[in-house]
Each structure stands twice: as structure tokens, then as C-alpha cells.
Amino acid sequence: MVAIQIRDVPDELRDALARDAQARGQSLQAYLLALLQRQADAAHNAEFLRTWQPPQIDYAWNDDNIVIDLIEQQRRERDERTLGGVPPKTS
């Protein structure tokens, strides 16, 4: 691990950060490390979102029945998992 030092921090800023750390039951060091980690995570997520390309999926089906069949299949599988093979009630 490396040590990071920040010079010329105004007393008011240091005091405000120390109060926030104390309110969370953390040392100032632990609090600042958590802040830096959240910032790094946010930067990583922002970079991912900037560069992410959604997968190319071909939705150009000519037969609407394919979609209906897929929905019915997924519903049957869901019912099997949740109902344990008990057929759903029909009206």
C-alpha cells in the first residue's frame, strides 16, 4: 500500500471531515479511505458506462408465435420452480 498526503487542507475542512468520521464511528483515516474508495468505484463505473456496448441481438423474427412460445415456455419453467410441478388453477 502507498501513503497519500494532502497538504494545505484548511482547518475548517479538516474539522468537518473529522466530525463526519466521528459521527460514523470511524477514524478520520478510515473515513477518508472509504471516501476515496467510493470515488474510485464511481470513476470505474463511469468509465465502464462510457465504453460499454450492448450486445447485438437480432430481434427481427418473422413469426410472432416464436415470441409467444418463448413466453409460455418461460412461464411453465417459472411455475415448475415456484409451484413444484403443481399445475396452476384455471378458471
PDB file of N, CA and C in Angstrom:
ATOM      1  N   MET A   1       0.840  -1.183   0.000  1.00  0.00           N
ATOM      2  CA  MET A   1       0.000   0.000   0.000  1.00  0.00           C
ATOM      3  C   MET A   1       0.880   1.239   0.000  1.00  0.00           C
ATOM      4  N   VAL A   2       0.301   2.303  -0.489  1.00  0.00           N
ATOM      5  CA  VAL A   2       1.013   3.568  -0.522  1.00  0.00           C
ATOM      6  C   VAL A   2       0.363   4.541   0.454  1.00  0.00           C
ATOM      7  N   ALA A   3       1.101   5.539   0.827  1.00  0.00           N
ATOM      8  CA  ALA A   3       0.579   6.603   1.673  1.00  0.00           C
ATOM      9  C   ALA A   3       0.306   7.809   0.790  1.00  0.00           C
ATOM     10  N   ILE A   4      -0.807   8.463   1.022  1.00  0.00           N
ATOM     11  CA  ILE A   4      -1.155   9.683   0.295  1.00  0.00           C
ATOM     12  C   ILE A   4      -1.195  10.810   1.314  1.00  0.00           C
ATOM     13  N   GLN A   5      -0.560  11.902   0.957  1.00  0.00           N
ATOM     14  CA  GLN A   5      -0.539  13.060   1.848  1.00  0.00           C
ATOM     15  C   GLN A   5      -1.125  14.245   1.097  1.00  0.00           C
ATOM     16  N   ILE A   6      -2.003  14.974   1.753  1.00  0.00           N
ATOM     17  CA  ILE A   6      -2.596  16.162   1.156  1.00  0.00           C
ATOM     18  C   ILE A   6      -2.166  17.363   1.986  1.00  0.00           C
ATOM     19  N   ARG A   7      -1.524  18.293   1.343  1.00  0.00           N
ATOM     20  CA  ARG A   7      -1.022  19.488   2.035  1.00  0.00           C
ATOM     21  C   ARG A   7      -2.030  20.629   1.933  1.00  0.00           C
ATOM     22  N   ASP A   8      -1.889  21.568   2.845  1.00  0.00           N
ATOM     23  CA  ASP A   8      -2.650  22.824   2.830  1.00  0.00           C
ATOM     24  C   ASP A   8      -4.161  22.612   2.906  1.00  0.00           C
ATOM     25  N   VAL A   9      -4.593  21.657   3.715  1.00  0.00           N
ATOM     26  CA  VAL A   9      -6.018  21.446   3.947  1.00  0.00           C
ATOM     27  C   VAL A   9      -6.477  22.483   4.967  1.00  0.00           C
ATOM     28  N   PRO A  10      -7.477  23.279   4.632  1.00  0.00           N
ATOM     29  CA  PRO A  10      -7.966  24.279   5.590  1.00  0.00           C
ATOM     30  C   PRO A  10      -8.477  23.607   6.873  1.00  0.00           C
ATOM     31  N   ASP A  11      -8.259  24.268   7.989  1.00  0.00           N
ATOM     32  CA  ASP A  11      -8.693  23.720   9.284  1.00  0.00           C
ATOM     33  C   ASP A  11     -10.186  23.420   9.298  1.00  0.00           C
ATOM     34  N   GLU A  12     -10.983  24.291   8.705  1.00  0.00           N
ATOM     35  CA  GLU A  12     -12.438  24.098   8.703  1.00  0.00           C
ATOM     36  C   GLU A  12     -12.825  22.817   7.959  1.00  0.00           C
ATOM     37  N   LEU A  13     -12.119  22.548   6.865  1.00  0.00           N
ATOM     38  CA  LEU A  13     -12.398  21.335   6.096  1.00  0.00           C
ATOM     39  C   LEU A  13     -11.998  20.100   6.891  1.00  0.00           C
ATOM     40  N   ARG A  14     -10.825  20.141   7.469  1.00  0.00           N
ATOM     41  CA  ARG A  14     -10.367  19.014   8.289  1.00  0.00           C
ATOM     42  C   ARG A  14     -11.321  18.766   9.442  1.00  0.00           C
ATOM     43  N   ASP A  15     -11.783  19.826  10.095  1.00  0.00           N
ATOM     44  CA  ASP A  15     -12.712  19.683  11.227  1.00  0.00           C
ATOM     45  C   ASP A  15     -14.043  19.082  10.782  1.00  0.00           C
ATOM     46  N   ALA A  16     -14.545  19.522   9.627  1.00  0.00           N
ATOM     47  CA  ALA A  16     -15.815  18.995   9.115  1.00  0.00           C
ATOM     48  C   ALA A  16     -15.682  17.509   8.790  1.00  0.00           C
ATOM     49  N   LEU A  17     -14.577  17.126   8.183  1.00  0.00           N
ATOM     50  CA  LEU A  17     -14.352  15.717   7.866  1.00  0.00           C
ATOM     51  C   LEU A  17     -14.202  14.886   9.133  1.00  0.00           C
ATOM     52  N   ALA A  18     -13.521  15.431  10.119  1.00  0.00           N
ATOM     53  CA  ALA A  18     -13.341  14.722  11.388  1.00  0.00           C
ATOM     54  C   ALA A  18     -14.689  14.523  12.081  1.00  0.00           C
ATOM     55  N   ARG A  19     -15.561  15.534  12.010  1.00  0.00           N
ATOM     56  CA  ARG A  19     -16.901  15.392  12.607  1.00  0.00           C
ATOM     57  C   ARG A  19     -17.703  14.299  11.897  1.00  0.00           C
ATOM     58  N   ASP A  20     -17.628  14.290  10.572  1.00  0.00           N
ATOM     59  CA  ASP A  20     -18.341  13.256   9.820  1.00  0.00           C
ATOM     60  C   ASP A  20     -17.817  11.868  10.176  1.00  0.00           C
ATOM     61  N   ALA A  21     -16.510  11.737  10.274  1.00  0.00           N
ATOM     62  CA  ALA A  21     -15.911  10.448  10.636  1.00  0.00           C
ATOM     63  C   ALA A  21     -16.372  10.019  12.021  1.00  0.00           C
ATOM     64  N   GLN A  22     -16.339  10.943  12.970  1.00  0.00           N
ATOM     65  CA  GLN A  22     -16.744  10.620  14.336  1.00  0.00           C
ATOM     66  C   GLN A  22     -18.218  10.217  14.389  1.00  0.00           C
ATOM     67  N   ALA A  23     -19.057  10.908  13.624  1.00  0.00           N
ATOM     68  CA  ALA A  23     -20.485  10.585  13.598  1.00  0.00           C
ATOM     69  C   ALA A  23     -20.722   9.175  13.056  1.00  0.00           C
ATOM     70  N   ARG A  24     -19.828   8.690  12.232  1.00  0.00           N
ATOM     71  CA  ARG A  24     -19.946   7.345  11.675  1.00  0.00           C
ATOM     72  C   ARG A  24     -19.170   6.315  12.491  1.00  0.00           C
ATOM     73  N   GLY A  25     -18.547   6.770  13.560  1.00  0.00           N
ATOM     74  CA  GLY A  25     -17.787   5.858  14.410  1.00  0.00           C
ATOM     75  C   GLY A  25     -16.502   5.384  13.766  1.00  0.00           C
ATOM     76  N   GLN A  26     -15.917   6.221  12.916  1.00  0.00           N
ATOM     77  CA  GLN A  26     -14.693   5.859  12.210  1.00  0.00           C
ATOM     78  C   GLN A  26     -13.580   6.832  12.554  1.00  0.00           C
ATOM     79  N   SER A  27     -12.378   6.357  12.357  1.00  0.00           N
ATOM     80  CA  SER A  27     -11.252   7.282  12.439  1.00  0.00           C
ATOM     81  C   SER A  27     -11.277   8.145  11.184  1.00  0.00           C
ATOM     82  N   LEU A  28     -10.596   9.275  11.248  1.00  0.00           N
ATOM     83  CA  LEU A  28     -10.530  10.131  10.078  1.00  0.00           C
ATOM     84  C   LEU A  28      -9.873   9.382   8.916  1.00  0.00           C
ATOM     85  N   GLN A  29      -8.849   8.621   9.206  1.00  0.00           N
ATOM     86  CA  GLN A  29      -8.165   7.862   8.157  1.00  0.00           C
ATOM     87  C   GLN A  29      -9.106   6.862   7.496  1.00  0.00           C
ATOM     88  N   ALA A  30      -9.856   6.101   8.282  1.00  0.00           N
ATOM     89  CA  ALA A  30     -10.787   5.113   7.726  1.00  0.00           C
ATOM     90  C   ALA A  30     -11.881   5.802   6.911  1.00  0.00           C
ATOM     91  N   TYR A  31     -12.356   6.921   7.431  1.00  0.00           N
ATOM     92  CA  TYR A  31     -13.407   7.673   6.736  1.00  0.00           C
ATOM     93  C   TYR A  31     -12.907   8.184   5.388  1.00  0.00           C
ATOM     94  N   LEU A  32     -11.716   8.777   5.372  1.00  0.00           N
ATOM     95  CA  LEU A  32     -11.160   9.306   4.122  1.00  0.00           C
ATOM     96  C   LEU A  32     -10.852   8.187   3.134  1.00  0.00           C
ATOM     97  N   LEU A  33     -10.365   7.060   3.638  1.00  0.00           N
ATOM     98  CA  LEU A  33     -10.103   5.924   2.757  1.00  0.00           C
ATOM     99  C   LEU A  33     -11.400   5.440   2.109  1.00  0.00           C
ATOM    100  N   ALA A  34     -12.478   5.386   2.881  1.00  0.00           N
ATOM    101  CA  ALA A  34     -13.775   4.975   2.335  1.00  0.00           C
ATOM    102  C   ALA A  34     -14.261   5.976   1.284  1.00  0.00           C
ATOM    103  N   LEU A  35     -14.049   7.275   1.535  1.00  0.00           N
ATOM    104  CA  LEU A  35     -14.427   8.283   0.545  1.00  0.00           C
ATOM    105  C   LEU A  35     -13.646   8.104  -0.751  1.00  0.00           C
ATOM    106  N   LEU A  36     -12.358   7.873  -0.625  1.00  0.00           N
ATOM    107  CA  LEU A  36     -11.531   7.655  -1.814  1.00  0.00           C
ATOM    108  C   LEU A  36     -11.957   6.396  -2.562  1.00  0.00           C
ATOM    109  N   GLN A  37     -12.293   5.346  -1.830  1.00  0.00           N
ATOM    110  CA  GLN A  37     -12.738   4.113  -2.470  1.00  0.00           C
ATOM    111  C   GLN A  37     -14.033   4.325  -3.234  1.00  0.00           C
ATOM    112  N   ARG A  38     -14.993   5.038  -2.627  1.00  0.00           N
ATOM    113  CA  ARG A  38     -16.256   5.316  -3.320  1.00  0.00           C
ATOM    114  C   ARG A  38     -16.021   6.139  -4.583  1.00  0.00           C
ATOM    115  N   GLN A  39     -15.111   7.114  -4.503  1.00  0.00           N
ATOM    116  CA  GLN A  39     -14.805   7.934  -5.670  1.00  0.00           C
ATOM    117  C   GLN A  39     -14.167   7.089  -6.770  1.00  0.00           C
ATOM    118  N   ALA A  40     -13.241   6.212  -6.401  1.00  0.00           N
ATOM    119  CA  ALA A  40     -12.598   5.340  -7.388  1.00  0.00           C
ATOM    120  C   ALA A  40     -13.623   4.392  -8.013  1.00  0.00           C
ATOM    121  N   ASP A  41     -14.534   3.865  -7.204  1.00  0.00           N
ATOM    122  CA  ASP A  41     -15.575   2.987  -7.729  1.00  0.00           C
ATOM    123  C   ASP A  41     -16.474   3.738  -8.703  1.00  0.00           C
ATOM    124  N   ALA A  42     -16.848   4.955  -8.359  1.00  0.00           N
ATOM    125  CA  ALA A  42     -17.697   5.763  -9.232  1.00  0.00           C
ATOM    126  C   ALA A  42     -16.986   6.060 -10.547  1.00  0.00           C
ATOM    127  N   ALA A  43     -15.709   6.362 -10.479  1.00  0.00           N
ATOM    128  CA  ALA A  43     -14.936   6.628 -11.698  1.00  0.00           C
ATOM    129  C   ALA A  43     -14.861   5.369 -12.559  1.00  0.00           C
ATOM    130  N   HIS A  44     -14.674   4.219 -11.919  1.00  0.00           N
ATOM    131  CA  HIS A  44     -14.625   2.955 -12.651  1.00  0.00           C
ATOM    132  C   HIS A  44     -15.969   2.686 -13.333  1.00  0.00           C
ATOM    133  N   ASN A  45     -17.062   2.902 -12.605  1.00  0.00           N
ATOM    134  CA  ASN A  45     -18.391   2.684 -13.174  1.00  0.00           C
ATOM    135  C   ASN A  45     -18.665   3.645 -14.324  1.00  0.00           C
ATOM    136  N   ALA A  46     -18.255   4.902 -14.171  1.00  0.00           N
ATOM    137  CA  ALA A  46     -18.456   5.886 -15.233  1.00  0.00           C
ATOM    138  C   ALA A  46     -17.675   5.494 -16.486  1.00  0.00           C
ATOM    139  N   GLU A  47     -16.467   5.013 -16.302  1.00  0.00           N
ATOM    140  CA  GLU A  47     -15.657   4.573 -17.439  1.00  0.00           C
ATOM    141  C   GLU A  47     -16.305   3.371 -18.128  1.00  0.00           C
ATOM    142  N   PHE A  48     -16.810   2.443 -17.342  1.00  0.00           N
ATOM    143  CA  PHE A  48     -17.497   1.283 -17.909  1.00  0.00           C
ATOM    144  C   PHE A  48     -18.698   1.727 -18.737  1.00  0.00           C
ATOM    145  N   LEU A  49     -19.497   2.648 -18.196  1.00  0.00           N
ATOM    146  CA  LEU A  49     -20.679   3.107 -18.915  1.00  0.00           C
ATOM    147  C   LEU A  49     -20.319   3.861 -20.194  1.00  0.00           C
ATOM    148  N   ARG A  50     -19.199   4.582 -20.172  1.00  0.00           N
ATOM    149  CA  ARG A  50     -18.759   5.297 -21.371  1.00  0.00           C
ATOM    150  C   ARG A  50     -18.324   4.332 -22.470  1.00  0.00           C
ATOM    151  N   THR A  51     -17.777   3.189 -22.099  1.00  0.00           N
ATOM    152  CA  THR A  51     -17.186   2.294 -23.086  1.00  0.00           C
ATOM    153  C   THR A  51     -18.039   1.058 -23.379  1.00  0.00           C
ATOM    154  N   TRP A  52     -19.088   0.812 -22.609  1.00  0.00           N
ATOM    155  CA  TRP A  52     -19.886  -0.390 -22.773  1.00  0.00           C
ATOM    156  C   TRP A  52     -20.694  -0.334 -24.058  1.00  0.00           C
ATOM    157  N   GLN A  53     -20.683  -1.415 -24.769  1.00  0.00           N
ATOM    158  CA  GLN A  53     -21.509  -1.568 -25.967  1.00  0.00           C
ATOM    159  C   GLN A  53     -22.483  -2.710 -25.722  1.00  0.00           C
ATOM    160  N   PRO A  54     -23.763  -2.447 -25.850  1.00  0.00           N
ATOM    161  CA  PRO A  54     -24.716  -3.530 -25.627  1.00  0.00           C
ATOM    162  C   PRO A  54     -24.539  -4.625 -26.672  1.00  0.00           C
ATOM    163  N   PRO A  55     -24.836  -5.854 -26.295  1.00  0.00           N
ATOM    164  CA  PRO A  55     -24.703  -6.944 -27.270  1.00  0.00           C
ATOM    165  C   PRO A  55     -25.691  -6.760 -28.418  1.00  0.00           C
ATOM    166  N   GLN A  56     -25.266  -7.171 -29.567  1.00  0.00           N
ATOM    167  CA  GLN A  56     -26.132  -7.098 -30.743  1.00  0.00           C
ATOM    168  C   GLN A  56     -27.040  -8.323 -30.756  1.00  0.00           C
ATOM    169  N   ILE A  57     -28.316  -8.089 -30.626  1.00  0.00           N
ATOM    170  CA  ILE A  57     -29.291  -9.174 -30.608  1.00  0.00           C
ATOM    171  C   ILE A  57     -30.231  -8.981 -31.790  1.00  0.00           C
ATOM    172  N   ASP A  58     -30.458 -10.047 -32.527  1.00  0.00           N
ATOM    173  CA  ASP A  58     -31.333  -9.977 -33.684  1.00  0.00           C
ATOM    174  C   ASP A  58     -32.770 -10.215 -33.229  1.00  0.00           C
ATOM    175  N   TYR A  59     -33.548  -9.147 -33.225  1.00  0.00           N
ATOM    176  CA  TYR A  59     -34.951  -9.253 -32.833  1.00  0.00           C
ATOM    177  C   TYR A  59     -35.871  -9.326 -34.057  1.00  0.00           C
ATOM    178  N   ALA A  60     -35.298  -9.471 -35.212  1.00  0.00           N
ATOM    179  CA  ALA A  60     -36.086  -9.453 -36.444  1.00  0.00           C
ATOM    180  C   ALA A  60     -36.671 -10.838 -36.722  1.00  0.00           C
ATOM    181  N   TRP A  61     -37.574 -11.272 -35.867  1.00  0.00           N
ATOM    182  CA  TRP A  61     -38.235 -12.554 -36.085  1.00  0.00           C
ATOM    183  C   TRP A  61     -39.431 -12.323 -37.004  1.00  0.00           C
ATOM    184  N   ASN A  62     -39.618 -13.248 -37.895  1.00  0.00           N
ATOM    185  CA  ASN A  62     -40.740 -13.121 -38.819  1.00  0.00           C
ATOM    186  C   ASN A  62     -42.016 -13.736 -38.264  1.00  0.00           C
ATOM    187  N   ASP A  63     -41.866 -14.578 -37.257  1.00  0.00           N
ATOM    188  CA  ASP A  63     -43.014 -15.317 -36.739  1.00  0.00           C
ATOM    189  C   ASP A  63     -43.308 -14.866 -35.310  1.00  0.00           C
ATOM    190  N   ASP A  64     -44.441 -14.189 -35.104  1.00  0.00           N
ATOM    191  CA  ASP A  64     -44.817 -13.739 -33.762  1.00  0.00           C
ATOM    192  C   ASP A  64     -45.022 -14.909 -32.811  1.00  0.00           C
ATOM    193  N   ASN A  65     -45.326 -16.081 -33.340  1.00  0.00           N
ATOM    194  CA  ASN A  65     -45.544 -17.247 -32.495  1.00  0.00           C
ATOM    195  C   ASN A  65     -44.274 -17.647 -31.753  1.00  0.00           C
ATOM    196  N   ILE A  66     -43.109 -17.328 -32.292  1.00  0.00           N
ATOM    197  CA  ILE A  66     -41.855 -17.636 -31.602  1.00  0.00           C
ATOM    198  C   ILE A  66     -41.825 -16.922 -30.260  1.00  0.00           C
ATOM    199  N   VAL A  67     -42.201 -15.647 -30.254  1.00  0.00           N
ATOM    200  CA  VAL A  67     -42.213 -14.863 -29.022  1.00  0.00           C
ATOM    201  C   VAL A  67     -43.230 -15.440 -28.046  1.00  0.00           C
ATOM    202  N   ILE A  68     -44.408 -15.750 -28.542  1.00  0.00           N
ATOM    203  CA  ILE A  68     -45.448 -16.314 -27.685  1.00  0.00           C
ATOM    204  C   ILE A  68     -44.993 -17.644 -27.100  1.00  0.00           C
ATOM    205  N   ASP A  69     -44.370 -18.473 -27.920  1.00  0.00           N
ATOM    206  CA  ASP A  69     -43.870 -19.769 -27.441  1.00  0.00           C
ATOM    207  C   ASP A  69     -42.795 -19.583 -26.369  1.00  0.00           C
ATOM    208  N   LEU A  70     -41.895 -18.621 -26.566  1.00  0.00           N
ATOM    209  CA  LEU A  70     -40.851 -18.365 -25.570  1.00  0.00           C
ATOM    210  C   LEU A  70     -41.446 -17.899 -24.250  1.00  0.00           C
ATOM    211  N   ILE A  71     -42.439 -17.022 -24.314  1.00  0.00           N
ATOM    212  CA  ILE A  71     -43.093 -16.539 -23.094  1.00  0.00           C
ATOM    213  C   ILE A  71     -43.775 -17.690 -22.367  1.00  0.00           C
ATOM    214  N   GLU A  72     -44.492 -18.509 -23.108  1.00  0.00           N
ATOM    215  CA  GLU A  72     -45.180 -19.645 -22.477  1.00  0.00           C
ATOM    216  C   GLU A  72     -44.195 -20.628 -21.872  1.00  0.00           C
ATOM    217  N   GLN A  73     -43.075 -20.865 -22.550  1.00  0.00           N
ATOM    218  CA  GLN A  73     -42.051 -21.762 -22.019  1.00  0.00           C
ATOM    219  C   GLN A  73     -41.466 -21.203 -20.727  1.00  0.00           C
ATOM    220  N   GLN A  74     -41.164 -19.925 -20.710  1.00  0.00           N
ATOM    221  CA  GLN A  74     -40.609 -19.307 -19.509  1.00  0.00           C
ATOM    222  C   GLN A  74     -41.612 -19.358 -18.366  1.00  0.00           C
ATOM    223  N   ARG A  75     -42.875 -19.164 -18.658  1.00  0.00           N
ATOM    224  CA  ARG A  75     -43.902 -19.239 -17.614  1.00  0.00           C
ATOM    225  C   ARG A  75     -44.011 -20.652 -17.052  1.00  0.00           C
ATOM    226  N   ARG A  76     -43.953 -21.656 -17.935  1.00  0.00           N
ATOM    227  CA  ARG A  76     -44.000 -23.046 -17.457  1.00  0.00           C
ATOM    228  C   ARG A  76     -42.808 -23.351 -16.557  1.00  0.00           C
ATOM    229  N   GLU A  77     -41.620 -22.906 -16.973  1.00  0.00           N
ATOM    230  CA  GLU A  77     -40.424 -23.136 -16.155  1.00  0.00           C
ATOM    231  C   GLU A  77     -40.527 -22.410 -14.820  1.00  0.00           C
ATOM    232  N   ARG A  78     -41.042 -21.193 -14.836  1.00  0.00           N
ATOM    233  CA  ARG A  78     -41.232 -20.457 -13.589  1.00  0.00           C
ATOM    234  C   ARG A  78     -42.204 -21.180 -12.680  1.00  0.00           C
ATOM    235  N   ASP A  79     -43.333 -21.627 -13.236  1.00  0.00           N
ATOM    236  CA  ASP A  79     -44.329 -22.333 -12.441  1.00  0.00           C
ATOM    237  C   ASP A  79     -43.762 -23.624 -11.868  1.00  0.00           C
ATOM    238  N   GLU A  80     -42.959 -24.311 -12.653  1.00  0.00           N
ATOM    239  CA  GLU A  80     -42.334 -25.541 -12.172  1.00  0.00           C
ATOM    240  C   GLU A  80     -41.439 -25.251 -10.970  1.00  0.00           C
ATOM    241  N   ARG A  81     -40.678 -24.162 -11.059  1.00  0.00           N
ATOM    242  CA  ARG A  81     -39.776 -23.809  -9.953  1.00  0.00           C
ATOM    243  C   ARG A  81     -40.550 -23.350  -8.721  1.00  0.00           C
ATOM    244  N   THR A  82     -41.567 -22.530  -8.926  1.00  0.00           N
ATOM    245  CA  THR A  82     -42.250 -21.936  -7.780  1.00  0.00           C
ATOM    246  C   THR A  82     -43.355 -22.818  -7.211  1.00  0.00           C
ATOM    247  N   LEU A  83     -44.020 -23.577  -8.076  1.00  0.00           N
ATOM    248  CA  LEU A  83     -45.129 -24.398  -7.603  1.00  0.00           C
ATOM    249  C   LEU A  83     -44.743 -25.844  -7.406  1.00  0.00           C
ATOM    250  N   GLY A  84     -43.534 -26.210  -7.803  1.00  0.00           N
ATOM    251  CA  GLY A  84     -43.078 -27.573  -7.629  1.00  0.00           C
ATOM    252  C   GLY A  84     -43.853 -28.578  -8.460  1.00  0.00           C
ATOM    253  N   GLY A  85     -44.290 -28.180  -9.631  1.00  0.00           N
ATOM    254  CA  GLY A  85     -44.982 -29.101 -10.515  1.00  0.00           C
ATOM    255  C   GLY A  85     -46.487 -29.109 -10.329  1.00  0.00           C
ATOM    256  N   VAL A  86     -47.010 -28.333  -9.374  1.00  0.00           N
ATOM    257  CA  VAL A  86     -48.457 -28.256  -9.188  1.00  0.00           C
ATOM    258  C   VAL A  86     -49.012 -27.414 -10.315  1.00  0.00           C
ATOM    259  N   PRO A  87     -49.944 -27.949 -11.098  1.00  0.00           N
ATOM    260  CA  PRO A  87     -50.473 -27.169 -12.211  1.00  0.00           C
ATOM    261  C   PRO A  87     -51.225 -25.948 -11.700  1.00  0.00           C
ATOM    262  N   PRO A  88     -51.071 -24.810 -12.379  1.00  0.00           N
ATOM    263  CA  PRO A  88     -51.795 -23.616 -11.939  1.00  0.00           C
ATOM    264  C   PRO A  88     -53.295 -23.801 -12.112  1.00  0.00           C
ATOM    265  N   LYS A  89     -54.063 -23.118 -11.276  1.00  0.00           N
ATOM    266  CA  LYS A  89     -55.523 -23.187 -11.358  1.00  0.00           C
ATOM    267  C   LYS A  89     -55.989 -22.495 -12.630  1.00  0.00           C
ATOM    268  N   THR A  90     -56.983 -23.078 -13.260  1.00  0.00           N
ATOM    269  CA  THR A  90     -57.562 -22.447 -14.445  1.00  0.00           C
ATOM    270  C   THR A  90     -59.000 -22.107 -14.128  1.00  0.00           C
ATOM    271  N   SER A  91     -59.493 -21.036 -14.714  1.00  0.00           N
ATOM    272  CA  SER A  91     -60.864 -20.610 -14.440  1.00  0.00           C
ATOM    273  C   SER A  91     -61.834 -21.287 -15.360  1.00  0.00           C
TER     274      SER A  91
END
